[in-house]
């Protein structure tokens, strides 16, 4: 693949400042997944994922790259969801998170373990998940009407 072809594929994923502002306000400055106030490092997520080929970085599912499929989300939530479809994110990652919290080491010793613990606890906090309280199964954007 030529350099210009990679550039064109990356350009497909471009979101203008105007569209980012529109997306940010879809839920009045709140994360579409958790309903929490967006932090300064918020990101745009595709509800139906747009994936990349690992070998050439080209975009798959290009039809999903449209403003109706884009929502504002906390950076950490977007990272945690990665390129999963909505139902896998809901049931597999979030649906079992409360049980995985029980396995989080109380006093991690390595820097990597400390960072991993903080990461998973922050995701859980944003969704109101604890060891005794599982994910409710409904995302914020499903509870409210788009503004």
C-alpha atoms as a PDB file:
ATOM      1  CA  UNK A   1       0.000   0.000   0.000  1.00  0.00           C
ATOM      2  CA  UNK A   2       1.287   3.452  -0.899  1.00  0.00           C
ATOM      3  CA  UNK A   3       1.598   6.266   1.643  1.00  0.00           C
ATOM      4  CA  UNK A   4      -1.193   8.227  -0.039  1.00  0.00           C
ATOM      5  CA  UNK A   5      -3.526   5.205   0.221  1.00  0.00           C
ATOM      6  CA  UNK A   6      -2.923   4.976   3.980  1.00  0.00           C
ATOM      7  CA  UNK A   7      -3.574   8.726   4.237  1.00  0.00           C
ATOM      8  CA  UNK A   8      -6.900   8.359   2.428  1.00  0.00           C
ATOM      9  CA  UNK A   9      -7.936   5.494   4.701  1.00  0.00           C
ATOM     10  CA  UNK A  10      -7.088   7.520   7.806  1.00  0.00           C
ATOM     11  CA  UNK A  11      -8.920  10.522   6.419  1.00  0.00           C
ATOM     12  CA  UNK A  12     -12.101   8.424   6.336  1.00  0.00           C
ATOM     13  CA  UNK A  13     -12.060   8.510  10.142  1.00  0.00           C
ATOM     14  CA  UNK A  14     -11.709  12.298  10.334  1.00  0.00           C
ATOM     15  CA  UNK A  15     -14.331  14.163  12.378  1.00  0.00           C
ATOM     16  CA  UNK A  16     -14.487  17.927  11.922  1.00  0.00           C
ATOM     17  CA  UNK A  17     -14.516  20.317  14.891  1.00  0.00           C
ATOM     18  CA  UNK A  18     -18.070  21.285  13.943  1.00  0.00           C
ATOM     19  CA  UNK A  19     -19.236  17.663  14.032  1.00  0.00           C
ATOM     20  CA  UNK A  20     -17.359  16.997  17.291  1.00  0.00           C
ATOM     21  CA  UNK A  21     -19.260  19.906  18.861  1.00  0.00           C
ATOM     22  CA  UNK A  22     -22.560  18.490  17.578  1.00  0.00           C
ATOM     23  CA  UNK A  23     -21.689  15.031  18.915  1.00  0.00           C
ATOM     24  CA  UNK A  24     -20.601  16.460  22.286  1.00  0.00           C
ATOM     25  CA  UNK A  25     -23.997  18.094  22.699  1.00  0.00           C
ATOM     26  CA  UNK A  26     -26.080  15.056  21.658  1.00  0.00           C
ATOM     27  CA  UNK A  27     -26.555  14.271  25.353  1.00  0.00           C
ATOM     28  CA  UNK A  28     -25.996  17.758  26.739  1.00  0.00           C
ATOM     29  CA  UNK A  29     -22.305  17.242  27.462  1.00  0.00           C
ATOM     30  CA  UNK A  30     -22.818  13.881  29.157  1.00  0.00           C
ATOM     31  CA  UNK A  31     -21.283  10.523  28.284  1.00  0.00           C
ATOM     32  CA  UNK A  32     -23.764   8.538  26.208  1.00  0.00           C
ATOM     33  CA  UNK A  33     -22.811   5.302  27.963  1.00  0.00           C
ATOM     34  CA  UNK A  34     -22.526   6.313  31.631  1.00  0.00           C
ATOM     35  CA  UNK A  35     -24.407   9.623  31.832  1.00  0.00           C
ATOM     36  CA  UNK A  36     -21.444  11.263  33.578  1.00  0.00           C
ATOM     37  CA  UNK A  37     -20.180  14.760  32.736  1.00  0.00           C
ATOM     38  CA  UNK A  38     -17.679  14.504  29.904  1.00  0.00           C
ATOM     39  CA  UNK A  39     -14.078  15.182  30.877  1.00  0.00           C
ATOM     40  CA  UNK A  40     -11.813  17.341  28.713  1.00  0.00           C
ATOM     41  CA  UNK A  41     -10.310  14.249  27.072  1.00  0.00           C
ATOM     42  CA  UNK A  42     -13.693  12.824  25.958  1.00  0.00           C
ATOM     43  CA  UNK A  43     -13.819  10.894  22.709  1.00  0.00           C
ATOM     44  CA  UNK A  44     -16.245  10.082  19.919  1.00  0.00           C
ATOM     45  CA  UNK A  45     -17.332   6.451  19.774  1.00  0.00           C
ATOM     46  CA  UNK A  46     -19.145   4.549  17.051  1.00  0.00           C
ATOM     47  CA  UNK A  47     -22.087   2.583  18.488  1.00  0.00           C
ATOM     48  CA  UNK A  48     -21.754   0.177  15.571  1.00  0.00           C
ATOM     49  CA  UNK A  49     -17.973  -0.162  15.397  1.00  0.00           C
ATOM     50  CA  UNK A  50     -15.694   0.875  12.585  1.00  0.00           C
ATOM     51  CA  UNK A  51     -12.777  -1.507  12.756  1.00  0.00           C
ATOM     52  CA  UNK A  52      -9.293  -1.297  11.293  1.00  0.00           C
ATOM     53  CA  UNK A  53      -7.371  -3.968   9.434  1.00  0.00           C
ATOM     54  CA  UNK A  54      -4.350  -4.710  11.589  1.00  0.00           C
ATOM     55  CA  UNK A  55      -2.043  -5.186   8.613  1.00  0.00           C
ATOM     56  CA  UNK A  56      -2.692  -1.991   6.646  1.00  0.00           C
ATOM     57  CA  UNK A  57      -4.718   0.213   9.033  1.00  0.00           C
ATOM     58  CA  UNK A  58      -7.558   0.537   6.532  1.00  0.00           C
ATOM     59  CA  UNK A  59     -11.081   1.060   7.839  1.00  0.00           C
ATOM     60  CA  UNK A  60     -13.685  -1.704   7.757  1.00  0.00           C
ATOM     61  CA  UNK A  61     -17.402  -1.038   8.073  1.00  0.00           C
ATOM     62  CA  UNK A  62     -16.943   2.436   6.605  1.00  0.00           C
ATOM     63  CA  UNK A  63     -20.725   2.827   6.424  1.00  0.00           C
ATOM     64  CA  UNK A  64     -20.751   3.052  10.237  1.00  0.00           C
ATOM     65  CA  UNK A  65     -18.682   6.234  10.134  1.00  0.00           C
ATOM     66  CA  UNK A  66     -21.578   8.697  10.183  1.00  0.00           C
ATOM     67  CA  UNK A  67     -22.725  11.273  12.699  1.00  0.00           C
ATOM     68  CA  UNK A  68     -25.901   9.348  13.578  1.00  0.00           C
ATOM     69  CA  UNK A  69     -23.740   6.421  14.730  1.00  0.00           C
ATOM     70  CA  UNK A  70     -21.361   8.614  16.757  1.00  0.00           C
ATOM     71  CA  UNK A  71     -21.777   9.415  20.427  1.00  0.00           C
ATOM     72  CA  UNK A  72     -19.749  11.272  23.064  1.00  0.00           C
ATOM     73  CA  UNK A  73     -18.068   9.076  25.625  1.00  0.00           C
ATOM     74  CA  UNK A  74     -15.499   9.186  28.376  1.00  0.00           C
ATOM     75  CA  UNK A  75     -12.070   8.313  27.025  1.00  0.00           C
ATOM     76  CA  UNK A  76     -11.609   5.408  29.427  1.00  0.00           C
ATOM     77  CA  UNK A  77     -14.997   3.935  28.477  1.00  0.00           C
ATOM     78  CA  UNK A  78     -14.199   4.227  24.771  1.00  0.00           C
ATOM     79  CA  UNK A  79     -10.876   2.500  25.425  1.00  0.00           C
ATOM     80  CA  UNK A  80     -12.561  -0.233  27.491  1.00  0.00           C
ATOM     81  CA  UNK A  81     -15.247  -0.861  24.824  1.00  0.00           C
ATOM     82  CA  UNK A  82     -12.594  -0.886  22.097  1.00  0.00           C
ATOM     83  CA  UNK A  83     -14.157  -2.160  18.861  1.00  0.00           C
ATOM     84  CA  UNK A  84     -16.795  -4.385  20.430  1.00  0.00           C
ATOM     85  CA  UNK A  85     -20.381  -4.269  19.283  1.00  0.00           C
ATOM     86  CA  UNK A  86     -22.860  -2.802  21.751  1.00  0.00           C
ATOM     87  CA  UNK A  87     -24.340  -6.094  22.988  1.00  0.00           C
ATOM     88  CA  UNK A  88     -20.947  -7.688  23.627  1.00  0.00           C
ATOM     89  CA  UNK A  89     -19.863  -4.577  25.513  1.00  0.00           C
ATOM     90  CA  UNK A  90     -23.091  -4.611  27.550  1.00  0.00           C
ATOM     91  CA  UNK A  91     -23.209  -8.322  28.395  1.00  0.00           C
ATOM     92  CA  UNK A  92     -19.630  -9.532  28.350  1.00  0.00           C
ATOM     93  CA  UNK A  93     -17.523  -6.605  29.568  1.00  0.00           C
ATOM     94  CA  UNK A  94     -19.989  -4.716  31.751  1.00  0.00           C
ATOM     95  CA  UNK A  95     -22.388  -7.538  32.617  1.00  0.00           C
ATOM     96  CA  UNK A  96     -19.684  -9.481  34.428  1.00  0.00           C
ATOM     97  CA  UNK A  97     -17.631  -6.573  35.723  1.00  0.00           C
ATOM     98  CA  UNK A  98     -19.020  -6.823  39.262  1.00  0.00           C
ATOM     99  CA  UNK A  99     -17.736 -10.405  39.561  1.00  0.00           C
ATOM    100  CA  UNK A 100     -14.327  -9.450  38.178  1.00  0.00           C
ATOM    101  CA  UNK A 101     -14.094  -6.676  40.787  1.00  0.00           C
ATOM    102  CA  UNK A 102     -14.003  -9.392  43.454  1.00  0.00           C
ATOM    103  CA  UNK A 103     -10.784 -10.708  41.910  1.00  0.00           C
ATOM    104  CA  UNK A 104      -9.012  -7.342  41.865  1.00  0.00           C
ATOM    105  CA  UNK A 105      -6.047  -7.546  44.243  1.00  0.00           C
ATOM    106  CA  UNK A 106      -6.538  -5.490  47.398  1.00  0.00           C
ATOM    107  CA  UNK A 107      -2.888  -4.425  47.576  1.00  0.00           C
ATOM    108  CA  UNK A 108      -1.258  -4.755  44.175  1.00  0.00           C
ATOM    109  CA  UNK A 109       2.533  -4.624  44.295  1.00  0.00           C
ATOM    110  CA  UNK A 110       3.703  -3.877  40.793  1.00  0.00           C
ATOM    111  CA  UNK A 111       3.191  -0.616  38.933  1.00  0.00           C
ATOM    112  CA  UNK A 112       1.350  -2.502  36.195  1.00  0.00           C
ATOM    113  CA  UNK A 113      -1.054  -4.107  38.691  1.00  0.00           C
ATOM    114  CA  UNK A 114      -1.656  -0.777  40.444  1.00  0.00           C
ATOM    115  CA  UNK A 115      -2.476   0.850  37.111  1.00  0.00           C
ATOM    116  CA  UNK A 116      -4.738  -2.046  36.062  1.00  0.00           C
ATOM    117  CA  UNK A 117      -6.638  -1.845  39.356  1.00  0.00           C
ATOM    118  CA  UNK A 118      -7.153   1.921  39.046  1.00  0.00           C
ATOM    119  CA  UNK A 119      -8.339   1.470  35.452  1.00  0.00           C
ATOM    120  CA  UNK A 120     -10.965  -1.175  36.200  1.00  0.00           C
ATOM    121  CA  UNK A 121     -12.175   0.622  39.333  1.00  0.00           C
ATOM    122  CA  UNK A 122     -12.641   3.852  37.342  1.00  0.00           C
ATOM    123  CA  UNK A 123     -14.703   2.092  34.670  1.00  0.00           C
ATOM    124  CA  UNK A 124     -16.821   0.495  37.400  1.00  0.00           C
ATOM    125  CA  UNK A 125     -17.256   3.848  39.177  1.00  0.00           C
ATOM    126  CA  UNK A 126     -18.470   5.572  36.021  1.00  0.00           C
ATOM    127  CA  UNK A 127     -21.198   2.944  35.618  1.00  0.00           C
ATOM    128  CA  UNK A 128     -22.029   2.704  39.334  1.00  0.00           C
ATOM    129  CA  UNK A 129     -20.866  -0.910  39.450  1.00  0.00           C
ATOM    130  CA  UNK A 130     -19.587  -2.461  42.674  1.00  0.00           C
ATOM    131  CA  UNK A 131     -18.868  -6.035  43.761  1.00  0.00           C
ATOM    132  CA  UNK A 132     -22.448  -6.220  45.048  1.00  0.00           C
ATOM    133  CA  UNK A 133     -24.133  -4.091  42.385  1.00  0.00           C
ATOM    134  CA  UNK A 134     -23.944  -5.285  38.773  1.00  0.00           C
ATOM    135  CA  UNK A 135     -24.392  -3.144  35.679  1.00  0.00           C
ATOM    136  CA  UNK A 136     -28.072  -2.261  35.246  1.00  0.00           C
ATOM    137  CA  UNK A 137     -27.929  -3.354  31.603  1.00  0.00           C
ATOM    138  CA  UNK A 138     -29.074  -0.045  30.135  1.00  0.00           C
ATOM    139  CA  UNK A 139     -26.845   2.701  28.788  1.00  0.00           C
ATOM    140  CA  UNK A 140     -27.576   6.360  29.427  1.00  0.00           C
ATOM    141  CA  UNK A 141     -28.349   7.067  25.761  1.00  0.00           C
ATOM    142  CA  UNK A 142     -31.008   4.338  25.870  1.00  0.00           C
ATOM    143  CA  UNK A 143     -32.704   5.981  28.862  1.00  0.00           C
ATOM    144  CA  UNK A 144     -32.988   9.450  27.367  1.00  0.00           C
ATOM    145  CA  UNK A 145     -34.046  10.967  24.085  1.00  0.00           C
ATOM    146  CA  UNK A 146     -31.326  12.563  22.029  1.00  0.00           C
ATOM    147  CA  UNK A 147     -31.345  16.338  22.489  1.00  0.00           C
END
